[in-house]
């Protein structure tokens, strides 16, 4: 997410603490929040795709492989 959009989201949140947001501001804040959430989830999923679990017996297992196995069940 762009820095400009994050700054705007922070600005709207600060305004909401001092006064009621207009309907347009509420809509804008909700859109920015949704975009932010999507970016965070995407980043987390990307990190998990490259994460490896080391089992107690020393074997290594990718989280992405584990996830695929669960979805097959």
N, C-alpha and C. Protein backbone atom coordinates (compact mmCIF):
# COMPACT_ATOMS: atom_id res chain seq x y z
N UNK A 1 0.85 -1.17 0.00
CA UNK A 1 0.00 0.00 0.00
C UNK A 1 0.89 1.23 0.00
N UNK A 2 0.50 2.22 -0.75
CA UNK A 2 1.30 3.43 -0.89
C UNK A 2 1.33 4.23 0.42
N UNK A 3 2.44 4.88 0.65
CA UNK A 3 2.60 5.70 1.86
C UNK A 3 1.53 6.79 1.92
N UNK A 4 1.20 7.37 0.77
CA UNK A 4 0.21 8.44 0.71
C UNK A 4 -1.15 7.94 1.23
N UNK A 5 -1.52 6.72 0.85
CA UNK A 5 -2.80 6.16 1.30
C UNK A 5 -2.77 5.85 2.79
N UNK A 6 -1.65 5.34 3.28
CA UNK A 6 -1.52 5.08 4.71
C UNK A 6 -1.63 6.37 5.52
N UNK A 7 -1.00 7.41 5.01
CA UNK A 7 -1.08 8.71 5.68
C UNK A 7 -2.52 9.22 5.71
N UNK A 8 -3.23 9.02 4.62
CA UNK A 8 -4.64 9.46 4.56
C UNK A 8 -5.49 8.66 5.54
N UNK A 9 -5.26 7.37 5.63
CA UNK A 9 -5.98 6.53 6.57
C UNK A 9 -5.71 6.99 8.01
N UNK A 10 -4.48 7.29 8.32
CA UNK A 10 -4.13 7.80 9.65
C UNK A 10 -4.81 9.14 9.91
N UNK A 11 -4.84 9.98 8.90
CA UNK A 11 -5.47 11.29 9.02
C UNK A 11 -6.97 11.14 9.31
N UNK A 12 -7.64 10.27 8.58
CA UNK A 12 -9.06 10.05 8.80
C UNK A 12 -9.34 9.48 10.19
N UNK A 13 -8.46 8.61 10.65
CA UNK A 13 -8.62 8.04 11.99
C UNK A 13 -8.46 9.13 13.05
N UNK A 14 -7.50 10.02 12.86
CA UNK A 14 -7.30 11.12 13.81
C UNK A 14 -8.50 12.06 13.81
N UNK A 15 -9.04 12.33 12.64
CA UNK A 15 -10.22 13.21 12.54
C UNK A 15 -11.40 12.56 13.26
N UNK A 16 -11.55 11.25 13.12
CA UNK A 16 -12.67 10.53 13.73
C UNK A 16 -12.62 10.63 15.26
N UNK A 17 -11.45 10.84 15.81
CA UNK A 17 -11.32 10.97 17.26
C UNK A 17 -11.80 12.33 17.75
N UNK A 18 -11.81 13.31 16.86
CA UNK A 18 -12.19 14.66 17.28
C UNK A 18 -13.61 15.04 16.86
N UNK A 19 -14.08 14.43 15.78
CA UNK A 19 -15.43 14.75 15.30
C UNK A 19 -15.99 13.58 14.50
N UNK A 20 -17.27 13.64 14.24
CA UNK A 20 -17.93 12.61 13.42
C UNK A 20 -17.49 12.78 11.96
N UNK A 21 -17.16 11.67 11.33
CA UNK A 21 -16.78 11.72 9.91
C UNK A 21 -18.03 11.87 9.05
N UNK A 22 -17.85 12.52 7.90
CA UNK A 22 -18.95 12.60 6.94
C UNK A 22 -19.12 11.23 6.30
N UNK A 23 -20.22 11.03 5.61
CA UNK A 23 -20.46 9.75 4.94
C UNK A 23 -19.37 9.45 3.91
N UNK A 24 -18.94 10.48 3.17
CA UNK A 24 -17.87 10.29 2.19
C UNK A 24 -16.56 9.90 2.87
N UNK A 25 -16.25 10.53 3.99
CA UNK A 25 -15.03 10.22 4.72
C UNK A 25 -15.10 8.80 5.29
N UNK A 26 -16.26 8.41 5.78
CA UNK A 26 -16.42 7.04 6.29
C UNK A 26 -16.22 6.02 5.19
N UNK A 27 -16.78 6.29 4.03
CA UNK A 27 -16.62 5.40 2.89
C UNK A 27 -15.15 5.29 2.48
N UNK A 28 -14.50 6.45 2.42
CA UNK A 28 -13.08 6.48 2.04
C UNK A 28 -12.24 5.71 3.05
N UNK A 29 -12.51 5.92 4.34
CA UNK A 29 -11.76 5.23 5.37
C UNK A 29 -11.97 3.71 5.27
N UNK A 30 -13.19 3.29 5.04
CA UNK A 30 -13.48 1.85 4.91
C UNK A 30 -12.75 1.25 3.70
N UNK A 31 -12.73 1.95 2.58
CA UNK A 31 -12.01 1.47 1.39
C UNK A 31 -10.51 1.36 1.67
N UNK A 32 -9.97 2.37 2.35
CA UNK A 32 -8.55 2.35 2.68
C UNK A 32 -8.24 1.23 3.67
N UNK A 33 -9.11 1.00 4.63
CA UNK A 33 -8.92 -0.09 5.59
C UNK A 33 -8.92 -1.43 4.88
N UNK A 34 -9.87 -1.62 3.97
CA UNK A 34 -9.95 -2.88 3.23
C UNK A 34 -8.70 -3.11 2.39
N UNK A 35 -8.21 -2.05 1.76
CA UNK A 35 -6.99 -2.16 0.96
C UNK A 35 -5.80 -2.50 1.86
N UNK A 36 -5.75 -1.87 3.03
CA UNK A 36 -4.67 -2.14 3.98
C UNK A 36 -4.71 -3.59 4.45
N UNK A 37 -5.90 -4.05 4.81
CA UNK A 37 -6.06 -5.45 5.25
C UNK A 37 -5.59 -6.42 4.16
N UNK A 38 -6.00 -6.17 2.93
CA UNK A 38 -5.60 -7.03 1.81
C UNK A 38 -4.08 -7.05 1.65
N UNK A 39 -3.44 -5.90 1.82
CA UNK A 39 -1.99 -5.82 1.69
C UNK A 39 -1.30 -6.61 2.81
N UNK A 40 -1.82 -6.50 4.03
CA UNK A 40 -1.23 -7.22 5.16
C UNK A 40 -1.39 -8.72 4.98
N UNK A 41 -2.58 -9.16 4.59
CA UNK A 41 -2.82 -10.59 4.38
C UNK A 41 -1.94 -11.11 3.25
N UNK A 42 -1.83 -10.36 2.18
CA UNK A 42 -0.97 -10.77 1.06
C UNK A 42 0.48 -10.90 1.47
N UNK A 43 0.95 -9.96 2.27
CA UNK A 43 2.33 -10.01 2.76
C UNK A 43 2.55 -11.22 3.66
N UNK A 44 1.60 -11.47 4.54
CA UNK A 44 1.70 -12.61 5.44
C UNK A 44 1.69 -13.92 4.66
N UNK A 45 0.81 -14.04 3.69
CA UNK A 45 0.75 -15.26 2.88
C UNK A 45 2.06 -15.46 2.12
N UNK A 46 2.62 -14.39 1.62
CA UNK A 46 3.91 -14.49 0.93
C UNK A 46 5.01 -14.97 1.85
N UNK A 47 5.01 -14.48 3.08
CA UNK A 47 6.01 -14.92 4.06
C UNK A 47 5.82 -16.38 4.40
N UNK A 48 4.57 -16.79 4.59
CA UNK A 48 4.30 -18.18 4.94
C UNK A 48 4.68 -19.14 3.81
N UNK A 49 4.54 -18.70 2.58
CA UNK A 49 4.91 -19.55 1.44
C UNK A 49 6.39 -19.91 1.48
N UNK A 50 7.20 -19.07 2.10
CA UNK A 50 8.65 -19.29 2.14
C UNK A 50 9.13 -19.75 3.51
N UNK A 51 8.20 -20.16 4.37
CA UNK A 51 8.54 -20.60 5.71
C UNK A 51 8.65 -22.12 5.75
N UNK A 52 9.66 -22.61 6.44
CA UNK A 52 9.86 -24.05 6.59
C UNK A 52 9.77 -24.41 8.07
N UNK A 53 9.07 -25.50 8.35
CA UNK A 53 8.95 -26.02 9.71
C UNK A 53 9.94 -27.16 9.86
N UNK A 54 10.73 -27.10 10.94
CA UNK A 54 11.65 -28.20 11.24
C UNK A 54 10.99 -29.05 12.32
N UNK A 55 10.66 -30.27 11.96
CA UNK A 55 10.00 -31.19 12.89
C UNK A 55 11.01 -31.73 13.90
N UNK A 56 10.51 -32.25 15.04
CA UNK A 56 11.42 -32.80 16.06
C UNK A 56 12.37 -33.87 15.54
N UNK A 57 11.95 -34.62 14.52
CA UNK A 57 12.83 -35.66 13.97
C UNK A 57 13.84 -35.11 12.97
N UNK A 58 13.82 -33.79 12.75
CA UNK A 58 14.80 -33.16 11.87
C UNK A 58 14.34 -32.95 10.44
N UNK A 59 13.20 -33.52 10.09
CA UNK A 59 12.70 -33.33 8.73
C UNK A 59 12.17 -31.91 8.56
N UNK A 60 12.22 -31.45 7.34
CA UNK A 60 11.75 -30.10 7.03
C UNK A 60 10.50 -30.19 6.18
N UNK A 61 9.59 -29.26 6.46
CA UNK A 61 8.31 -29.27 5.75
C UNK A 61 7.91 -27.82 5.47
N UNK A 62 7.60 -27.55 4.22
CA UNK A 62 7.15 -26.20 3.86
C UNK A 62 5.72 -25.99 4.33
N UNK A 63 5.43 -24.81 4.82
CA UNK A 63 4.08 -24.48 5.26
C UNK A 63 3.11 -24.60 4.10
N UNK A 64 3.52 -24.19 2.92
CA UNK A 64 2.64 -24.26 1.76
C UNK A 64 2.25 -25.71 1.44
N UNK A 65 3.18 -26.66 1.62
CA UNK A 65 2.87 -28.07 1.39
C UNK A 65 1.88 -28.58 2.42
N UNK A 66 2.06 -28.17 3.64
CA UNK A 66 1.18 -28.57 4.73
C UNK A 66 -0.24 -28.06 4.49
N UNK A 67 -0.32 -26.84 4.00
CA UNK A 67 -1.61 -26.21 3.73
C UNK A 67 -2.34 -26.97 2.62
N UNK A 68 -1.62 -27.36 1.57
CA UNK A 68 -2.22 -28.11 0.47
C UNK A 68 -2.77 -29.46 0.95
N UNK A 69 -2.03 -30.12 1.85
CA UNK A 69 -2.47 -31.41 2.39
C UNK A 69 -3.78 -31.25 3.16
N UNK A 70 -3.87 -30.19 3.95
CA UNK A 70 -5.09 -29.95 4.72
C UNK A 70 -6.28 -29.69 3.83
N UNK A 71 -6.07 -28.96 2.75
CA UNK A 71 -7.20 -28.62 1.87
C UNK A 71 -7.71 -29.84 1.11
N UNK A 72 -6.89 -30.87 0.94
CA UNK A 72 -7.30 -32.10 0.25
C UNK A 72 -8.22 -32.94 1.12
N UNK A 73 -8.09 -32.80 2.44
CA UNK A 73 -8.89 -33.61 3.37
C UNK A 73 -10.31 -33.18 3.46
